[in-house]
PDB file of N, CA and C in Angstrom:
ATOM      1  N   MET A   1       0.281 -36.445  51.018  1.00  0.00           N
ATOM      2  CA  MET A   1      -0.010 -35.228  51.710  1.00  0.00           C
ATOM      3  C   MET A   1       0.039 -34.021  50.721  1.00  0.00           C
ATOM      4  N   GLU A   2       0.606 -34.056  49.644  1.00  0.00           N
ATOM      5  CA  GLU A   2       0.661 -33.042  48.653  1.00  0.00           C
ATOM      6  C   GLU A   2      -0.785 -32.305  48.359  1.00  0.00           C
ATOM      7  N   THR A   3      -1.709 -33.212  48.041  1.00  0.00           N
ATOM      8  CA  THR A   3      -3.045 -32.692  47.777  1.00  0.00           C
ATOM      9  C   THR A   3      -3.725 -32.157  48.907  1.00  0.00           C
ATOM     10  N   VAL A   4      -3.581 -32.730  50.116  1.00  0.00           N
ATOM     11  CA  VAL A   4      -4.218 -32.108  51.395  1.00  0.00           C
ATOM     12  C   VAL A   4      -3.659 -30.795  51.706  1.00  0.00           C
ATOM     13  N   LYS A   5      -2.300 -30.682  51.485  1.00  0.00           N
ATOM     14  CA  LYS A   5      -1.700 -29.349  51.788  1.00  0.00           C
ATOM     15  C   LYS A   5      -2.145 -28.330  50.820  1.00  0.00           C
ATOM     16  N   ALA A   6      -2.247 -28.754  49.534  1.00  0.00           N
ATOM     17  CA  ALA A   6      -2.715 -27.742  48.481  1.00  0.00           C
ATOM     18  C   ALA A   6      -4.167 -27.340  48.748  1.00  0.00           C
ATOM     19  N   PHE A   7      -5.000 -28.410  49.291  1.00  0.00           N
ATOM     20  CA  PHE A   7      -6.416 -27.923  49.544  1.00  0.00           C
ATOM     21  C   PHE A   7      -6.320 -26.972  50.769  1.00  0.00           C
ATOM     22  N   ALA A   8      -5.476 -27.191  51.833  1.00  0.00           N
ATOM     23  CA  ALA A   8      -5.423 -26.266  52.890  1.00  0.00           C
ATOM     24  C   ALA A   8      -4.978 -24.845  52.420  1.00  0.00           C
ATOM     25  N   LEU A   9      -4.054 -24.791  51.620  1.00  0.00           N
ATOM     26  CA  LEU A   9      -3.582 -23.525  51.003  1.00  0.00           C
ATOM     27  C   LEU A   9      -4.727 -22.851  50.268  1.00  0.00           C
ATOM     28  N   ALA A  10      -5.461 -23.599  49.607  1.00  0.00           N
ATOM     29  CA  ALA A  10      -6.568 -23.046  48.706  1.00  0.00           C
ATOM     30  C   ALA A  10      -7.659 -22.443  49.600  1.00  0.00           C
ATOM     31  N   ILE A  11      -8.037 -23.211  50.628  1.00  0.00           N
ATOM     32  CA  ILE A  11      -9.147 -22.676  51.514  1.00  0.00           C
ATOM     33  C   ILE A  11      -8.621 -21.446  52.345  1.00  0.00           C
ATOM     34  N   LYS A  12      -7.406 -21.566  52.700  1.00  0.00           N
ATOM     35  CA  LYS A  12      -6.908 -20.411  53.495  1.00  0.00           C
ATOM     36  C   LYS A  12      -6.757 -19.154  52.590  1.00  0.00           C
ATOM     37  N   HIS A  13      -6.486 -19.394  51.233  1.00  0.00           N
ATOM     38  CA  HIS A  13      -6.422 -18.314  50.347  1.00  0.00           C
ATOM     39  C   HIS A  13      -7.854 -17.729  50.094  1.00  0.00           C
ATOM     40  N   LEU A  14      -8.909 -18.557  49.924  1.00  0.00           N
ATOM     41  CA  LEU A  14     -10.270 -18.103  49.794  1.00  0.00           C
ATOM     42  C   LEU A  14     -10.669 -17.321  51.000  1.00  0.00           C
ATOM     43  N   ARG A  15     -10.331 -17.809  52.151  1.00  0.00           N
ATOM     44  CA  ARG A  15     -10.828 -17.073  53.403  1.00  0.00           C
ATOM     45  C   ARG A  15     -10.178 -15.734  53.513  1.00  0.00           C
ATOM     46  N   LYS A  16      -8.781 -15.756  53.374  1.00  0.00           N
ATOM     47  CA  LYS A  16      -8.154 -14.417  53.396  1.00  0.00           C
ATOM     48  C   LYS A  16      -8.507 -13.495  52.360  1.00  0.00           C
ATOM     49  N   GLU A  17      -8.834 -13.924  51.081  1.00  0.00           N
ATOM     50  CA  GLU A  17      -9.216 -13.135  50.011  1.00  0.00           C
ATOM     51  C   GLU A  17     -10.418 -12.424  50.392  1.00  0.00           C
ATOM     52  N   ARG A  18     -11.285 -13.041  51.183  1.00  0.00           N
ATOM     53  CA  ARG A  18     -12.611 -12.544  51.596  1.00  0.00           C
ATOM     54  C   ARG A  18     -12.485 -11.761  52.948  1.00  0.00           C
ATOM     55  N   LYS A  19     -11.262 -11.730  53.426  1.00  0.00           N
ATOM     56  CA  LYS A  19     -11.119 -11.156  54.685  1.00  0.00           C
ATOM     57  C   LYS A  19     -11.938 -11.663  55.816  1.00  0.00           C
ATOM     58  N   LEU A  20     -11.911 -12.981  55.978  1.00  0.00           N
ATOM     59  CA  LEU A  20     -12.805 -13.631  56.944  1.00  0.00           C
ATOM     60  C   LEU A  20     -11.968 -14.391  57.964  1.00  0.00           C
ATOM     61  N   SER A  21     -12.377 -14.313  59.197  1.00  0.00           N
ATOM     62  CA  SER A  21     -11.672 -15.199  60.250  1.00  0.00           C
ATOM     63  C   SER A  21     -12.245 -16.585  60.002  1.00  0.00           C
ATOM     64  N   GLN A  22     -11.459 -17.498  60.696  1.00  0.00           N
ATOM     65  CA  GLN A  22     -11.934 -18.930  60.537  1.00  0.00           C
ATOM     66  C   GLN A  22     -13.359 -19.055  60.979  1.00  0.00           C
ATOM     67  N   GLU A  23     -13.737 -18.288  61.987  1.00  0.00           N
ATOM     68  CA  GLU A  23     -15.089 -18.577  62.610  1.00  0.00           C
ATOM     69  C   GLU A  23     -16.055 -17.959  61.552  1.00  0.00           C
ATOM     70  N   ASN A  24     -15.884 -16.843  60.938  1.00  0.00           N
ATOM     71  CA  ASN A  24     -16.816 -16.403  59.965  1.00  0.00           C
ATOM     72  C   ASN A  24     -16.899 -17.224  58.690  1.00  0.00           C
ATOM     73  N   PHE A  25     -15.620 -17.668  58.275  1.00  0.00           N
ATOM     74  CA  PHE A  25     -15.644 -18.672  57.098  1.00  0.00           C
ATOM     75  C   PHE A  25     -16.343 -19.844  57.463  1.00  0.00           C
ATOM     76  N   ALA A  26     -16.119 -20.467  58.553  1.00  0.00           N
ATOM     77  CA  ALA A  26     -16.930 -21.709  59.048  1.00  0.00           C
ATOM     78  C   ALA A  26     -18.434 -21.397  58.989  1.00  0.00           C
ATOM     79  N   ALA A  27     -18.810 -20.341  59.526  1.00  0.00           N
ATOM     80  CA  ALA A  27     -20.287 -19.965  59.623  1.00  0.00           C
ATOM     81  C   ALA A  27     -20.859 -19.913  58.210  1.00  0.00           C
ATOM     82  N   ILE A  28     -20.099 -19.258  57.258  1.00  0.00           N
ATOM     83  CA  ILE A  28     -20.648 -19.066  55.901  1.00  0.00           C
ATOM     84  C   ILE A  28     -20.680 -20.458  55.240  1.00  0.00           C
ATOM     85  N   CYS A  29     -19.767 -21.233  55.440  1.00  0.00           N
ATOM     86  CA  CYS A  29     -19.701 -22.612  54.876  1.00  0.00           C
ATOM     87  C   CYS A  29     -20.578 -23.631  55.575  1.00  0.00           C
ATOM     88  N   GLY A  30     -21.051 -23.308  56.770  1.00  0.00           N
ATOM     89  CA  GLY A  30     -21.899 -24.218  57.385  1.00  0.00           C
ATOM     90  C   GLY A  30     -21.162 -25.409  58.084  1.00  0.00           C
ATOM     91  N   ILE A  31     -19.904 -25.135  58.423  1.00  0.00           N
ATOM     92  CA  ILE A  31     -19.062 -26.178  59.105  1.00  0.00           C
ATOM     93  C   ILE A  31     -18.594 -25.507  60.348  1.00  0.00           C
ATOM     94  N   HIS A  32     -18.005 -26.428  61.214  1.00  0.00           N
ATOM     95  CA  HIS A  32     -17.531 -25.978  62.611  1.00  0.00           C
ATOM     96  C   HIS A  32     -16.173 -25.239  62.530  1.00  0.00           C
ATOM     97  N   THR A  33     -15.958 -24.317  63.277  1.00  0.00           N
ATOM     98  CA  THR A  33     -14.702 -23.567  63.279  1.00  0.00           C
ATOM     99  C   THR A  33     -13.467 -24.405  63.465  1.00  0.00           C
ATOM    100  N   THR A  34     -13.525 -25.306  64.357  1.00  0.00           N
ATOM    101  CA  THR A  34     -12.433 -26.228  64.625  1.00  0.00           C
ATOM    102  C   THR A  34     -12.071 -27.058  63.348  1.00  0.00           C
ATOM    103  N   TYR A  35     -13.101 -27.402  62.573  1.00  0.00           N
ATOM    104  CA  TYR A  35     -12.917 -28.124  61.436  1.00  0.00           C
ATOM    105  C   TYR A  35     -12.177 -27.335  60.411  1.00  0.00           C
ATOM    106  N   VAL A  36     -12.421 -26.087  60.257  1.00  0.00           N
ATOM    107  CA  VAL A  36     -11.700 -25.133  59.276  1.00  0.00           C
ATOM    108  C   VAL A  36     -10.267 -25.136  59.626  1.00  0.00           C
ATOM    109  N   SER A  37     -10.017 -24.942  61.079  1.00  0.00           N
ATOM    110  CA  SER A  37      -8.696 -24.934  61.535  1.00  0.00           C
ATOM    111  C   SER A  37      -7.931 -26.293  61.286  1.00  0.00           C
ATOM    112  N   ARG A  38      -8.620 -27.260  61.403  1.00  0.00           N
ATOM    113  CA  ARG A  38      -7.905 -28.650  61.183  1.00  0.00           C
ATOM    114  C   ARG A  38      -7.619 -28.820  59.645  1.00  0.00           C
ATOM    115  N   LEU A  39      -8.556 -28.381  58.826  1.00  0.00           N
ATOM    116  CA  LEU A  39      -8.211 -28.520  57.420  1.00  0.00           C
ATOM    117  C   LEU A  39      -7.100 -27.621  56.993  1.00  0.00           C
ATOM    118  N   GLU A  40      -6.989 -26.302  57.598  1.00  0.00           N
ATOM    119  CA  GLU A  40      -5.885 -25.509  57.152  1.00  0.00           C
ATOM    120  C   GLU A  40      -4.586 -25.958  57.758  1.00  0.00           C
ATOM    121  N   ARG A  41      -4.602 -26.747  58.775  1.00  0.00           N
ATOM    122  CA  ARG A  41      -3.394 -27.294  59.395  1.00  0.00           C
ATOM    123  C   ARG A  41      -3.061 -28.641  58.746  1.00  0.00           C
ATOM    124  N   THR A  42      -3.892 -29.228  57.918  1.00  0.00           N
ATOM    125  CA  THR A  42      -3.803 -30.410  57.317  1.00  0.00           C
ATOM    126  C   THR A  42      -3.907 -31.694  58.247  1.00  0.00           C
ATOM    127  N   VAL A  43      -4.632 -31.400  59.365  1.00  0.00           N
ATOM    128  CA  VAL A  43      -4.889 -32.470  60.290  1.00  0.00           C
ATOM    129  C   VAL A  43      -6.034 -33.336  59.868  1.00  0.00           C
ATOM    130  N   ARG A  44      -6.920 -32.705  59.216  1.00  0.00           N
ATOM    131  CA  ARG A  44      -8.049 -33.493  58.525  1.00  0.00           C
ATOM    132  C   ARG A  44      -8.057 -33.412  57.150  1.00  0.00           C
ATOM    133  N   GLU A  45      -8.698 -34.430  56.480  1.00  0.00           N
ATOM    134  CA  GLU A  45      -8.863 -34.390  55.002  1.00  0.00           C
ATOM    135  C   GLU A  45     -10.389 -34.112  54.759  1.00  0.00           C
ATOM    136  N   PRO A  46     -10.780 -33.261  53.832  1.00  0.00           N
ATOM    137  CA  PRO A  46     -12.083 -32.985  53.531  1.00  0.00           C
ATOM    138  C   PRO A  46     -12.907 -34.119  52.936  1.00  0.00           C
ATOM    139  N   SER A  47     -14.080 -34.240  53.317  1.00  0.00           N
ATOM    140  CA  SER A  47     -15.100 -35.211  52.597  1.00  0.00           C
ATOM    141  C   SER A  47     -15.600 -34.468  51.429  1.00  0.00           C
ATOM    142  N   LEU A  48     -16.242 -35.146  50.583  1.00  0.00           N
ATOM    143  CA  LEU A  48     -16.896 -34.617  49.492  1.00  0.00           C
ATOM    144  C   LEU A  48     -18.046 -33.573  49.876  1.00  0.00           C
ATOM    145  N   THR A  49     -18.678 -33.927  50.895  1.00  0.00           N
ATOM    146  CA  THR A  49     -19.648 -33.030  51.513  1.00  0.00           C
ATOM    147  C   THR A  49     -19.095 -31.786  51.872  1.00  0.00           C
ATOM    148  N   ILE A  50     -17.993 -31.786  52.507  1.00  0.00           N
ATOM    149  CA  ILE A  50     -17.358 -30.546  53.124  1.00  0.00           C
ATOM    150  C   ILE A  50     -16.833 -29.739  51.878  1.00  0.00           C
ATOM    151  N   ILE A  51     -16.260 -30.435  50.891  1.00  0.00           N
ATOM    152  CA  ILE A  51     -15.805 -29.662  49.764  1.00  0.00           C
ATOM    153  C   ILE A  51     -16.897 -28.878  49.023  1.00  0.00           C
ATOM    154  N   TYR A  52     -18.048 -29.461  48.898  1.00  0.00           N
ATOM    155  CA  TYR A  52     -19.214 -28.756  48.388  1.00  0.00           C
ATOM    156  C   TYR A  52     -19.769 -27.686  49.327  1.00  0.00           C
ATOM    157  N   LYS A  53     -19.676 -27.886  50.542  1.00  0.00           N
ATOM    158  CA  LYS A  53     -20.101 -26.809  51.508  1.00  0.00           C
ATOM    159  C   LYS A  53     -19.157 -25.554  51.439  1.00  0.00           C
ATOM    160  N   ILE A  54     -17.800 -25.864  51.257  1.00  0.00           N
ATOM    161  CA  ILE A  54     -16.949 -24.694  51.095  1.00  0.00           C
ATOM    162  C   ILE A  54     -17.132 -24.077  49.882  1.00  0.00           C
ATOM    163  N   ALA A  55     -17.325 -24.806  48.779  1.00  0.00           N
ATOM    164  CA  ALA A  55     -17.467 -24.112  47.480  1.00  0.00           C
ATOM    165  C   ALA A  55     -18.822 -23.366  47.413  1.00  0.00           C
ATOM    166  N   ASP A  56     -19.928 -24.018  47.994  1.00  0.00           N
ATOM    167  CA  ASP A  56     -21.159 -23.209  48.077  1.00  0.00           C
ATOM    168  C   ASP A  56     -21.007 -21.959  48.960  1.00  0.00           C
ATOM    169  N   GLY A  57     -20.411 -22.196  50.076  1.00  0.00           N
ATOM    170  CA  GLY A  57     -20.166 -21.016  51.049  1.00  0.00           C
ATOM    171  C   GLY A  57     -19.406 -19.852  50.339  1.00  0.00           C
ATOM    172  N   CYS A  58     -18.431 -20.182  49.503  1.00  0.00           N
ATOM    173  CA  CYS A  58     -17.563 -19.168  48.858  1.00  0.00           C
ATOM    174  C   CYS A  58     -18.217 -18.691  47.518  1.00  0.00           C
ATOM    175  N   LYS A  59     -19.399 -19.188  47.153  1.00  0.00           N
ATOM    176  CA  LYS A  59     -20.197 -18.939  45.933  1.00  0.00           C
ATOM    177  C   LYS A  59     -19.348 -19.230  44.766  1.00  0.00           C
ATOM    178  N   ILE A  60     -18.721 -20.314  44.746  1.00  0.00           N
ATOM    179  CA  ILE A  60     -17.916 -20.830  43.631  1.00  0.00           C
ATOM    180  C   ILE A  60     -18.377 -22.257  43.358  1.00  0.00           C
ATOM    181  N   SER A  61     -17.958 -22.762  42.117  1.00  0.00           N
ATOM    182  CA  SER A  61     -18.325 -24.157  41.844  1.00  0.00           C
ATOM    183  C   SER A  61     -17.136 -25.024  42.511  1.00  0.00           C
ATOM    184  N   ALA A  62     -17.538 -26.254  42.615  1.00  0.00           N
ATOM    185  CA  ALA A  62     -16.424 -27.258  43.127  1.00  0.00           C
ATOM    186  C   ALA A  62     -15.336 -27.313  42.168  1.00  0.00           C
ATOM    187  N   SER A  63     -15.646 -27.258  40.823  1.00  0.00           N
ATOM    188  CA  SER A  63     -14.521 -27.246  39.879  1.00  0.00           C
ATOM    189  C   SER A  63     -13.674 -26.003  40.018  1.00  0.00           C
ATOM    190  N   GLU A  64     -14.197 -24.880  40.334  1.00  0.00           N
ATOM    191  CA  GLU A  64     -13.271 -23.687  40.593  1.00  0.00           C
ATOM    192  C   GLU A  64     -12.439 -24.001  41.918  1.00  0.00           C
ATOM    193  N   LEU A  65     -12.955 -24.514  42.880  1.00  0.00           N
ATOM    194  CA  LEU A  65     -12.223 -24.890  44.075  1.00  0.00           C
ATOM    195  C   LEU A  65     -11.120 -25.873  43.730  1.00  0.00           C
ATOM    196  N   PHE A  66     -11.453 -26.811  42.947  1.00  0.00           N
ATOM    197  CA  PHE A  66     -10.487 -27.854  42.529  1.00  0.00           C
ATOM    198  C   PHE A  66      -9.350 -27.110  41.694  1.00  0.00           C
ATOM    199  N   SER A  67      -9.722 -26.227  40.826  1.00  0.00           N
ATOM    200  CA  SER A  67      -8.779 -25.566  39.989  1.00  0.00           C
ATOM    201  C   SER A  67      -7.760 -24.749  40.845  1.00  0.00           C
ATOM    202  N   LEU A  68      -8.288 -24.187  41.992  1.00  0.00           N
ATOM    203  CA  LEU A  68      -7.480 -23.491  42.886  1.00  0.00           C
ATOM    204  C   LEU A  68      -6.464 -24.562  43.689  1.00  0.00           C
ATOM    205  N   VAL A  69      -7.041 -25.628  43.977  1.00  0.00           N
ATOM    206  CA  VAL A  69      -6.173 -26.824  44.598  1.00  0.00           C
ATOM    207  C   VAL A  69      -5.147 -27.198  43.592  1.00  0.00           C
ATOM    208  N   ASP A  70      -5.478 -27.363  42.344  1.00  0.00           N
ATOM    209  CA  ASP A  70      -4.457 -27.734  41.295  1.00  0.00           C
ATOM    210  C   ASP A  70      -3.330 -26.659  41.246  1.00  0.00           C
ATOM    211  N   LYS A  71      -3.690 -25.391  41.375  1.00  0.00           N
ATOM    212  CA  LYS A  71      -2.721 -24.249  41.260  1.00  0.00           C
ATOM    213  C   LYS A  71      -1.693 -24.523  42.440  1.00  0.00           C
ATOM    214  N   TYR A  72      -2.217 -24.771  43.601  1.00  0.00           N
ATOM    215  CA  TYR A  72      -1.339 -24.981  44.883  1.00  0.00           C
ATOM    216  C   TYR A  72      -0.637 -26.265  44.694  1.00  0.00           C
ATOM    217  N   ARG A  73      -1.118 -27.319  44.105  1.00  0.00           N
ATOM    218  CA  ARG A  73      -0.416 -28.509  43.999  1.00  0.00           C
ATOM    219  C   ARG A  73       0.843 -28.386  43.063  1.00  0.00           C
ATOM    220  N   GLU A  74       0.656 -27.588  41.993  1.00  0.00           N
ATOM    221  CA  GLU A  74       1.671 -27.195  41.173  1.00  0.00           C
ATOM    222  C   GLU A  74       2.781 -26.485  41.846  1.00  0.00           C
ATOM    223  N   ILE A  75       2.468 -25.510  42.660  1.00  0.00           N
ATOM    224  CA  ILE A  75       3.340 -24.713  43.473  1.00  0.00           C
ATOM    225  C   ILE A  75       4.166 -25.707  44.408  1.00  0.00           C
ATOM    226  N   GLU A  76       3.418 -26.529  45.137  1.00  0.00           N
ATOM    227  CA  GLU A  76       4.052 -27.566  46.023  1.00  0.00           C
ATOM    228  C   GLU A  76       5.031 -28.404  45.286  1.00  0.00           C
ATOM    229  N   LYS A  77       4.734 -28.845  44.043  1.00  0.00           N
ATOM    230  CA  LYS A  77       5.622 -29.630  43.235  1.00  0.00           C
ATOM    231  C   LYS A  77       6.890 -29.078  42.920  1.00  0.00           C
ATOM    232  N   ASP A  78       6.705 -27.681  42.690  1.00  0.00           N
ATOM    233  CA  ASP A  78       7.993 -26.883  42.310  1.00  0.00           C
ATOM    234  C   ASP A  78       8.936 -26.585  43.478  1.00  0.00           C
ATOM    235  N   ASN A  79       8.370 -26.751  44.731  1.00  0.00           N
ATOM    236  CA  ASN A  79       9.235 -26.388  45.913  1.00  0.00           C
ATOM    237  C   ASN A  79       9.846 -27.607  46.447  1.00  0.00           C
TER     238      ASN A  79
END
């Protein structure tokens, strides 16, 4: 669950950094609003396709997204 939670925190960070609602974030990424909600609540695990849609929607590379996930994984390990 550690990685899923870190991914959830990473996308929530990206969304809030851009001052977007879940609805707007979902629209920009080309995914459904409820899917964003489920990702942020760790109810769903993202597929590779979703990871790339989020990265593309945020105009970052997948490696940048994974770097952010790694950052949150480290935080979670320390807690």
